[in-house]
Amino acid sequence: MQALQPQRPPEDTDQDGMPDAWEEARELDDGDGSDHGKVMQSGYTAIEAYCQDLAAERLSLHETHRAGQGQAMPNANRPAERQ
């Protein structure tokens, strides 16, 4: 877990759990604390979409870190080989 370092949280004016910059990029209102429940085009609520984006970002950082250490990377686009 060395790659995880405490950081200052991003600005979240309405305190709905989604950073202002993320909301603005998706045309949400960073002053409306209730828009976390808005259903997005994907069918997920805004807070679910944010969590998915956050997880994907962390996974990408982790895979980049592993690749830099010469560890084998699974190919997400191809099914695992059967033994």
PDB file of N, CA and C in Angstrom:
ATOM      1  N   MET A   1       0.817  -1.186   0.000  1.00  0.00           N
ATOM      2  CA  MET A   1       0.000   0.000   0.000  1.00  0.00           C
ATOM      3  C   MET A   1       0.866   1.256   0.000  1.00  0.00           C
ATOM      4  N   GLN A   2       2.102   1.117  -0.397  1.00  0.00           N
ATOM      5  CA  GLN A   2       2.989   2.261  -0.412  1.00  0.00           C
ATOM      6  C   GLN A   2       2.526   3.333  -1.384  1.00  0.00           C
ATOM      7  N   ALA A   3       1.822   2.941  -2.427  1.00  0.00           N
ATOM      8  CA  ALA A   3       1.375   3.902  -3.436  1.00  0.00           C
ATOM      9  C   ALA A   3       0.250   4.794  -2.914  1.00  0.00           C
ATOM     10  N   LEU A   4      -0.400   4.387  -1.831  1.00  0.00           N
ATOM     11  CA  LEU A   4      -1.483   5.187  -1.271  1.00  0.00           C
ATOM     12  C   LEU A   4      -0.920   6.157  -0.247  1.00  0.00           C
ATOM     13  N   GLN A   5      -1.005   7.411  -0.556  1.00  0.00           N
ATOM     14  CA  GLN A   5      -0.523   8.455   0.330  1.00  0.00           C
ATOM     15  C   GLN A   5      -1.677   9.397   0.663  1.00  0.00           C
ATOM     16  N   PRO A   6      -1.767   9.820   1.928  1.00  0.00           N
ATOM     17  CA  PRO A   6      -2.832  10.766   2.286  1.00  0.00           C
ATOM     18  C   PRO A   6      -2.696  12.042   1.461  1.00  0.00           C
ATOM     19  N   GLN A   7      -3.804  12.539   1.009  1.00  0.00           N
ATOM     20  CA  GLN A   7      -3.838  13.769   0.235  1.00  0.00           C
ATOM     21  C   GLN A   7      -4.991  14.636   0.719  1.00  0.00           C
ATOM     22  N   ARG A   8      -4.894  15.904   0.406  1.00  0.00           N
ATOM     23  CA  ARG A   8      -5.989  16.806   0.714  1.00  0.00           C
ATOM     24  C   ARG A   8      -7.154  16.458  -0.211  1.00  0.00           C
ATOM     25  N   PRO A   9      -8.369  16.348   0.321  1.00  0.00           N
ATOM     26  CA  PRO A   9      -9.504  16.002  -0.541  1.00  0.00           C
ATOM     27  C   PRO A   9      -9.802  17.121  -1.535  1.00  0.00           C
ATOM     28  N   PRO A  10     -10.345  16.771  -2.693  1.00  0.00           N
ATOM     29  CA  PRO A  10     -10.708  17.798  -3.669  1.00  0.00           C
ATOM     30  C   PRO A  10     -11.862  18.662  -3.152  1.00  0.00           C
ATOM     31  N   GLU A  11     -11.963  19.853  -3.689  1.00  0.00           N
ATOM     32  CA  GLU A  11     -13.031  20.786  -3.311  1.00  0.00           C
ATOM     33  C   GLU A  11     -14.400  20.169  -3.591  1.00  0.00           C
ATOM     34  N   ASP A  12     -15.293  20.237  -2.602  1.00  0.00           N
ATOM     35  CA  ASP A  12     -16.655  19.709  -2.729  1.00  0.00           C
ATOM     36  C   ASP A  12     -17.598  20.689  -2.036  1.00  0.00           C
ATOM     37  N   THR A  13     -17.941  21.746  -2.737  1.00  0.00           N
ATOM     38  CA  THR A  13     -18.715  22.851  -2.174  1.00  0.00           C
ATOM     39  C   THR A  13     -20.017  22.390  -1.531  1.00  0.00           C
ATOM     40  N   ASP A  14     -20.756  21.517  -2.193  1.00  0.00           N
ATOM     41  CA  ASP A  14     -22.061  21.101  -1.682  1.00  0.00           C
ATOM     42  C   ASP A  14     -21.992  19.874  -0.770  1.00  0.00           C
ATOM     43  N   GLN A  15     -20.805  19.360  -0.554  1.00  0.00           N
ATOM     44  CA  GLN A  15     -20.566  18.231   0.359  1.00  0.00           C
ATOM     45  C   GLN A  15     -21.437  17.012   0.046  1.00  0.00           C
ATOM     46  N   ASP A  16     -21.536  16.704  -1.245  1.00  0.00           N
ATOM     47  CA  ASP A  16     -22.315  15.532  -1.643  1.00  0.00           C
ATOM     48  C   ASP A  16     -21.434  14.326  -1.937  1.00  0.00           C
ATOM     49  N   GLY A  17     -20.124  14.477  -1.720  1.00  0.00           N
ATOM     50  CA  GLY A  17     -19.205  13.363  -1.936  1.00  0.00           C
ATOM     51  C   GLY A  17     -18.552  13.345  -3.302  1.00  0.00           C
ATOM     52  N   MET A  18     -18.967  14.273  -4.178  1.00  0.00           N
ATOM     53  CA  MET A  18     -18.396  14.338  -5.527  1.00  0.00           C
ATOM     54  C   MET A  18     -17.654  15.665  -5.671  1.00  0.00           C
ATOM     55  N   PRO A  19     -16.398  15.630  -6.090  1.00  0.00           N
ATOM     56  CA  PRO A  19     -15.643  16.877  -6.234  1.00  0.00           C
ATOM     57  C   PRO A  19     -16.283  17.834  -7.242  1.00  0.00           C
ATOM     58  N   ASP A  20     -16.140  19.118  -6.973  1.00  0.00           N
ATOM     59  CA  ASP A  20     -16.707  20.142  -7.847  1.00  0.00           C
ATOM     60  C   ASP A  20     -16.263  19.964  -9.298  1.00  0.00           C
ATOM     61  N   ALA A  21     -14.974  19.719  -9.507  1.00  0.00           N
ATOM     62  CA  ALA A  21     -14.457  19.581 -10.875  1.00  0.00           C
ATOM     63  C   ALA A  21     -15.122  18.412 -11.596  1.00  0.00           C
ATOM     64  N   TRP A  22     -15.352  17.315 -10.890  1.00  0.00           N
ATOM     65  CA  TRP A  22     -16.012  16.153 -11.489  1.00  0.00           C
ATOM     66  C   TRP A  22     -17.448  16.512 -11.862  1.00  0.00           C
ATOM     67  N   GLU A  23     -18.151  17.190 -10.951  1.00  0.00           N
ATOM     68  CA  GLU A  23     -19.537  17.593 -11.222  1.00  0.00           C
ATOM     69  C   GLU A  23     -19.615  18.547 -12.410  1.00  0.00           C
ATOM     70  N   GLU A  24     -18.727  19.529 -12.432  1.00  0.00           N
ATOM     71  CA  GLU A  24     -18.745  20.510 -13.518  1.00  0.00           C
ATOM     72  C   GLU A  24     -18.482  19.846 -14.865  1.00  0.00           C
ATOM     73  N   ALA A  25     -17.587  18.877 -14.900  1.00  0.00           N
ATOM     74  CA  ALA A  25     -17.265  18.181 -16.150  1.00  0.00           C
ATOM     75  C   ALA A  25     -18.459  17.377 -16.664  1.00  0.00           C
ATOM     76  N   ARG A  26     -19.391  17.063 -15.787  1.00  0.00           N
ATOM     77  CA  ARG A  26     -20.568  16.274 -16.174  1.00  0.00           C
ATOM     78  C   ARG A  26     -21.847  17.097 -16.135  1.00  0.00           C
ATOM     79  N   GLU A  27     -21.662  18.416 -16.128  1.00  0.00           N
ATOM     80  CA  GLU A  27     -22.767  19.366 -16.147  1.00  0.00           C
ATOM     81  C   GLU A  27     -23.734  19.174 -14.991  1.00  0.00           C
ATOM     82  N   LEU A  28     -23.188  18.822 -13.817  1.00  0.00           N
ATOM     83  CA  LEU A  28     -23.970  18.783 -12.591  1.00  0.00           C
ATOM     84  C   LEU A  28     -23.744  20.102 -11.856  1.00  0.00           C
ATOM     85  N   ASP A  29     -24.557  20.383 -10.870  1.00  0.00           N
ATOM     86  CA  ASP A  29     -24.470  21.631 -10.114  1.00  0.00           C
ATOM     87  C   ASP A  29     -23.644  21.399  -8.855  1.00  0.00           C
ATOM     88  N   ASP A  30     -22.450  22.004  -8.804  1.00  0.00           N
ATOM     89  CA  ASP A  30     -21.593  21.796  -7.632  1.00  0.00           C
ATOM     90  C   ASP A  30     -22.104  22.527  -6.393  1.00  0.00           C
ATOM     91  N   GLY A  31     -23.245  23.201  -6.517  1.00  0.00           N
ATOM     92  CA  GLY A  31     -23.872  23.853  -5.371  1.00  0.00           C
ATOM     93  C   GLY A  31     -25.129  23.135  -4.911  1.00  0.00           C
ATOM     94  N   ASP A  32     -25.479  22.031  -5.565  1.00  0.00           N
ATOM     95  CA  ASP A  32     -26.685  21.260  -5.240  1.00  0.00           C
ATOM     96  C   ASP A  32     -26.277  19.936  -4.607  1.00  0.00           C
ATOM     97  N   GLY A  33     -26.440  19.846  -3.302  1.00  0.00           N
ATOM     98  CA  GLY A  33     -26.037  18.651  -2.577  1.00  0.00           C
ATOM     99  C   GLY A  33     -26.912  17.431  -2.828  1.00  0.00           C
ATOM    100  N   SER A  34     -28.016  17.613  -3.543  1.00  0.00           N
ATOM    101  CA  SER A  34     -28.896  16.463  -3.784  1.00  0.00           C
ATOM    102  C   SER A  34     -28.666  15.804  -5.142  1.00  0.00           C
ATOM    103  N   ASP A  35     -27.788  16.383  -5.963  1.00  0.00           N
ATOM    104  CA  ASP A  35     -27.629  15.814  -7.305  1.00  0.00           C
ATOM    105  C   ASP A  35     -26.805  14.529  -7.329  1.00  0.00           C
ATOM    106  N   HIS A  36     -26.332  14.089  -6.175  1.00  0.00           N
ATOM    107  CA  HIS A  36     -25.638  12.796  -6.118  1.00  0.00           C
ATOM    108  C   HIS A  36     -26.575  11.657  -6.502  1.00  0.00           C
ATOM    109  N   GLY A  37     -27.869  11.861  -6.338  1.00  0.00           N
ATOM    110  CA  GLY A  37     -28.856  10.837  -6.666  1.00  0.00           C
ATOM    111  C   GLY A  37     -29.398  10.928  -8.086  1.00  0.00           C
ATOM    112  N   LYS A  38     -28.927  11.914  -8.858  1.00  0.00           N
ATOM    113  CA  LYS A  38     -29.397  12.057 -10.239  1.00  0.00           C
ATOM    114  C   LYS A  38     -28.967  10.843 -11.053  1.00  0.00           C
ATOM    115  N   VAL A  39     -29.906  10.280 -11.800  1.00  0.00           N
ATOM    116  CA  VAL A  39     -29.594   9.138 -12.649  1.00  0.00           C
ATOM    117  C   VAL A  39     -28.939   9.669 -13.923  1.00  0.00           C
ATOM    118  N   MET A  40     -27.736   9.175 -14.175  1.00  0.00           N
ATOM    119  CA  MET A  40     -26.959   9.616 -15.326  1.00  0.00           C
ATOM    120  C   MET A  40     -27.373   8.803 -16.556  1.00  0.00           C
ATOM    121  N   GLN A  41     -26.848   9.179 -17.717  1.00  0.00           N
ATOM    122  CA  GLN A  41     -27.180   8.494 -18.967  1.00  0.00           C
ATOM    123  C   GLN A  41     -26.816   6.999 -18.902  1.00  0.00           C
ATOM    124  N   SER A  42     -25.805   6.668 -18.103  1.00  0.00           N
ATOM    125  CA  SER A  42     -25.365   5.276 -17.973  1.00  0.00           C
ATOM    126  C   SER A  42     -26.369   4.403 -17.221  1.00  0.00           C
ATOM    127  N   GLY A  43     -27.304   5.061 -16.519  1.00  0.00           N
ATOM    128  CA  GLY A  43     -28.256   4.317 -15.693  1.00  0.00           C
ATOM    129  C   GLY A  43     -27.854   4.280 -14.227  1.00  0.00           C
ATOM    130  N   TYR A  44     -26.639   4.701 -13.942  1.00  0.00           N
ATOM    131  CA  TYR A  44     -26.158   4.772 -12.566  1.00  0.00           C
ATOM    132  C   TYR A  44     -26.420   6.168 -12.008  1.00  0.00           C
ATOM    133  N   THR A  45     -26.528   6.267 -10.684  1.00  0.00           N
ATOM    134  CA  THR A  45     -26.635   7.592 -10.086  1.00  0.00           C
ATOM    135  C   THR A  45     -25.287   8.293 -10.197  1.00  0.00           C
ATOM    136  N   ALA A  46     -25.294   9.601 -10.018  1.00  0.00           N
ATOM    137  CA  ALA A  46     -24.058  10.382 -10.135  1.00  0.00           C
ATOM    138  C   ALA A  46     -23.003   9.903  -9.146  1.00  0.00           C
ATOM    139  N   ILE A  47     -23.387   9.607  -7.916  1.00  0.00           N
ATOM    140  CA  ILE A  47     -22.393   9.168  -6.927  1.00  0.00           C
ATOM    141  C   ILE A  47     -21.836   7.793  -7.296  1.00  0.00           C
ATOM    142  N   GLU A  48     -22.671   6.928  -7.866  1.00  0.00           N
ATOM    143  CA  GLU A  48     -22.181   5.626  -8.326  1.00  0.00           C
ATOM    144  C   GLU A  48     -21.191   5.801  -9.476  1.00  0.00           C
ATOM    145  N   ALA A  49     -21.516   6.700 -10.400  1.00  0.00           N
ATOM    146  CA  ALA A  49     -20.622   6.961 -11.530  1.00  0.00           C
ATOM    147  C   ALA A  49     -19.294   7.528 -11.035  1.00  0.00           C
ATOM    148  N   TYR A  50     -19.351   8.422 -10.055  1.00  0.00           N
ATOM    149  CA  TYR A  50     -18.117   8.979  -9.494  1.00  0.00           C
ATOM    150  C   TYR A  50     -17.280   7.872  -8.846  1.00  0.00           C
ATOM    151  N   CYS A  51     -17.907   7.016  -8.076  1.00  0.00           N
ATOM    152  CA  CYS A  51     -17.175   5.911  -7.429  1.00  0.00           C
ATOM    153  C   CYS A  51     -16.540   4.990  -8.465  1.00  0.00           C
ATOM    154  N   GLN A  52     -17.247   4.717  -9.544  1.00  0.00           N
ATOM    155  CA  GLN A  52     -16.692   3.886 -10.616  1.00  0.00           C
ATOM    156  C   GLN A  52     -15.479   4.567 -11.251  1.00  0.00           C
ATOM    157  N   ASP A  53     -15.587   5.864 -11.501  1.00  0.00           N
ATOM    158  CA  ASP A  53     -14.455   6.608 -12.067  1.00  0.00           C
ATOM    159  C   ASP A  53     -13.267   6.594 -11.121  1.00  0.00           C
ATOM    160  N   LEU A  54     -13.538   6.783  -9.842  1.00  0.00           N
ATOM    161  CA  LEU A  54     -12.475   6.801  -8.837  1.00  0.00           C
ATOM    162  C   LEU A  54     -11.786   5.437  -8.758  1.00  0.00           C
ATOM    163  N   ALA A  55     -12.581   4.366  -8.761  1.00  0.00           N
ATOM    164  CA  ALA A  55     -12.009   3.015  -8.715  1.00  0.00           C
ATOM    165  C   ALA A  55     -11.182   2.731  -9.964  1.00  0.00           C
ATOM    166  N   ALA A  56     -11.678   3.133 -11.123  1.00  0.00           N
ATOM    167  CA  ALA A  56     -10.942   2.909 -12.373  1.00  0.00           C
ATOM    168  C   ALA A  56      -9.621   3.673 -12.358  1.00  0.00           C
ATOM    169  N   GLU A  57      -9.648   4.889 -11.823  1.00  0.00           N
ATOM    170  CA  GLU A  57      -8.423   5.687 -11.731  1.00  0.00           C
ATOM    171  C   GLU A  57      -7.404   5.009 -10.810  1.00  0.00           C
ATOM    172  N   ARG A  58      -7.862   4.528  -9.669  1.00  0.00           N
ATOM    173  CA  ARG A  58      -6.957   3.863  -8.714  1.00  0.00           C
ATOM    174  C   ARG A  58      -6.413   2.574  -9.306  1.00  0.00           C
ATOM    175  N   LEU A  59      -7.254   1.813  -9.994  1.00  0.00           N
ATOM    176  CA  LEU A  59      -6.820   0.566 -10.609  1.00  0.00           C
ATOM    177  C   LEU A  59      -5.765   0.852 -11.672  1.00  0.00           C
ATOM    178  N   SER A  60      -5.984   1.886 -12.450  1.00  0.00           N
ATOM    179  CA  SER A  60      -5.024   2.271 -13.481  1.00  0.00           C
ATOM    180  C   SER A  60      -3.682   2.655 -12.859  1.00  0.00           C
ATOM    181  N   LEU A  61      -3.708   3.403 -11.768  1.00  0.00           N
ATOM    182  CA  LEU A  61      -2.463   3.780 -11.082  1.00  0.00           C
ATOM    183  C   LEU A  61      -1.754   2.546 -10.546  1.00  0.00           C
ATOM    184  N   HIS A  62      -2.529   1.606 -10.002  1.00  0.00           N
ATOM    185  CA  HIS A  62      -1.955   0.379  -9.458  1.00  0.00           C
ATOM    186  C   HIS A  62      -1.308  -0.444 -10.563  1.00  0.00           C
ATOM    187  N   GLU A  63      -1.994  -0.582 -11.699  1.00  0.00           N
ATOM    188  CA  GLU A  63      -1.453  -1.372 -12.807  1.00  0.00           C
ATOM    189  C   GLU A  63      -0.200  -0.717 -13.376  1.00  0.00           C
ATOM    190  N   THR A  64      -0.188   0.612 -13.449  1.00  0.00           N
ATOM    191  CA  THR A  64       0.988   1.332 -13.935  1.00  0.00           C
ATOM    192  C   THR A  64       2.162   1.092 -12.988  1.00  0.00           C
ATOM    193  N   HIS A  65       1.894   1.115 -11.695  1.00  0.00           N
ATOM    194  CA  HIS A  65       2.927   0.866 -10.684  1.00  0.00           C
ATOM    195  C   HIS A  65       3.474  -0.556 -10.818  1.00  0.00           C
ATOM    196  N   ARG A  66       2.575  -1.534 -10.977  1.00  0.00           N
ATOM    197  CA  ARG A  66       3.008  -2.933 -11.125  1.00  0.00           C
ATOM    198  C   ARG A  66       3.821  -3.120 -12.394  1.00  0.00           C
ATOM    199  N   ALA A  67       3.393  -2.499 -13.485  1.00  0.00           N
ATOM    200  CA  ALA A  67       4.102  -2.645 -14.755  1.00  0.00           C
ATOM    201  C   ALA A  67       5.515  -2.081 -14.639  1.00  0.00           C
ATOM    202  N   GLY A  68       5.665  -1.011 -13.887  1.00  0.00           N
ATOM    203  CA  GLY A  68       6.975  -0.406 -13.678  1.00  0.00           C
ATOM    204  C   GLY A  68       7.903  -1.298 -12.881  1.00  0.00           C
ATOM    205  N   GLN A  69       7.341  -2.244 -12.159  1.00  0.00           N
ATOM    206  CA  GLN A  69       8.142  -3.187 -11.376  1.00  0.00           C
ATOM    207  C   GLN A  69       8.392  -4.478 -12.146  1.00  0.00           C
ATOM    208  N   GLY A  70       7.977  -4.517 -13.417  1.00  0.00           N
ATOM    209  CA  GLY A  70       8.224  -5.689 -14.254  1.00  0.00           C
ATOM    210  C   GLY A  70       7.302  -6.859 -13.983  1.00  0.00           C
ATOM    211  N   GLN A  71       6.190  -6.624 -13.296  1.00  0.00           N
ATOM    212  CA  GLN A  71       5.258  -7.701 -13.001  1.00  0.00           C
ATOM    213  C   GLN A  71       4.321  -7.904 -14.192  1.00  0.00           C
ATOM    214  N   ALA A  72       3.938  -9.133 -14.398  1.00  0.00           N
ATOM    215  CA  ALA A  72       3.025  -9.455 -15.495  1.00  0.00           C
ATOM    216  C   ALA A  72       1.687  -8.771 -15.270  1.00  0.00           C
ATOM    217  N   MET A  73       1.128  -8.257 -16.343  1.00  0.00           N
ATOM    218  CA  MET A  73      -0.149  -7.567 -16.277  1.00  0.00           C
ATOM    219  C   MET A  73      -1.215  -8.415 -16.960  1.00  0.00           C
ATOM    220  N   PRO A  74      -2.351  -8.623 -16.309  1.00  0.00           N
ATOM    221  CA  PRO A  74      -3.428  -9.343 -16.995  1.00  0.00           C
ATOM    222  C   PRO A  74      -4.000  -8.473 -18.102  1.00  0.00           C
ATOM    223  N   ASN A  75      -4.411  -9.090 -19.192  1.00  0.00           N
ATOM    224  CA  ASN A  75      -5.011  -8.361 -20.295  1.00  0.00           C
ATOM    225  C   ASN A  75      -6.519  -8.409 -20.104  1.00  0.00           C
ATOM    226  N   ALA A  76      -7.112  -7.271 -19.766  1.00  0.00           N
ATOM    227  CA  ALA A  76      -8.544  -7.212 -19.477  1.00  0.00           C
ATOM    228  C   ALA A  76      -9.388  -7.429 -20.718  1.00  0.00           C
ATOM    229  N   ASN A  77      -8.791  -7.320 -21.900  1.00  0.00           N
ATOM    230  CA  ASN A  77      -9.547  -7.475 -23.133  1.00  0.00           C
ATOM    231  C   ASN A  77      -9.614  -8.914 -23.627  1.00  0.00           C
ATOM    232  N   ARG A  78      -8.927  -9.811 -22.947  1.00  0.00           N
ATOM    233  CA  ARG A  78      -8.902 -11.196 -23.391  1.00  0.00           C
ATOM    234  C   ARG A  78      -9.231 -12.094 -22.203  1.00  0.00           C
ATOM    235  N   PRO A  79     -10.069 -13.111 -22.414  1.00  0.00           N
ATOM    236  CA  PRO A  79     -10.401 -14.004 -21.297  1.00  0.00           C
ATOM    237  C   PRO A  79      -9.170 -14.748 -20.812  1.00  0.00           C
ATOM    238  N   ALA A  80      -9.157 -15.063 -19.538  1.00  0.00           N
ATOM    239  CA  ALA A  80      -8.025 -15.796 -18.967  1.00  0.00           C
ATOM    240  C   ALA A  80      -7.917 -17.185 -19.605  1.00  0.00           C
ATOM    241  N   GLU A  81      -6.694 -17.618 -19.779  1.00  0.00           N
ATOM    242  CA  GLU A  81      -6.481 -18.953 -20.352  1.00  0.00           C
ATOM    243  C   GLU A  81      -6.863 -20.008 -19.314  1.00  0.00           C
ATOM    244  N   ARG A  82      -7.459 -21.083 -19.799  1.00  0.00           N
ATOM    245  CA  ARG A  82      -7.840 -22.179 -18.902  1.00  0.00           C
ATOM    246  C   ARG A  82      -6.690 -23.124 -18.741  1.00  0.00           C
ATOM    247  N   GLN A  83      -6.556 -23.647 -17.551  1.00  0.00           N
ATOM    248  CA  GLN A  83      -5.459 -24.576 -17.256  1.00  0.00           C
ATOM    249  C   GLN A  83      -5.881 -25.993 -17.529  1.00  0.00           C
TER     250      GLN A  83
END
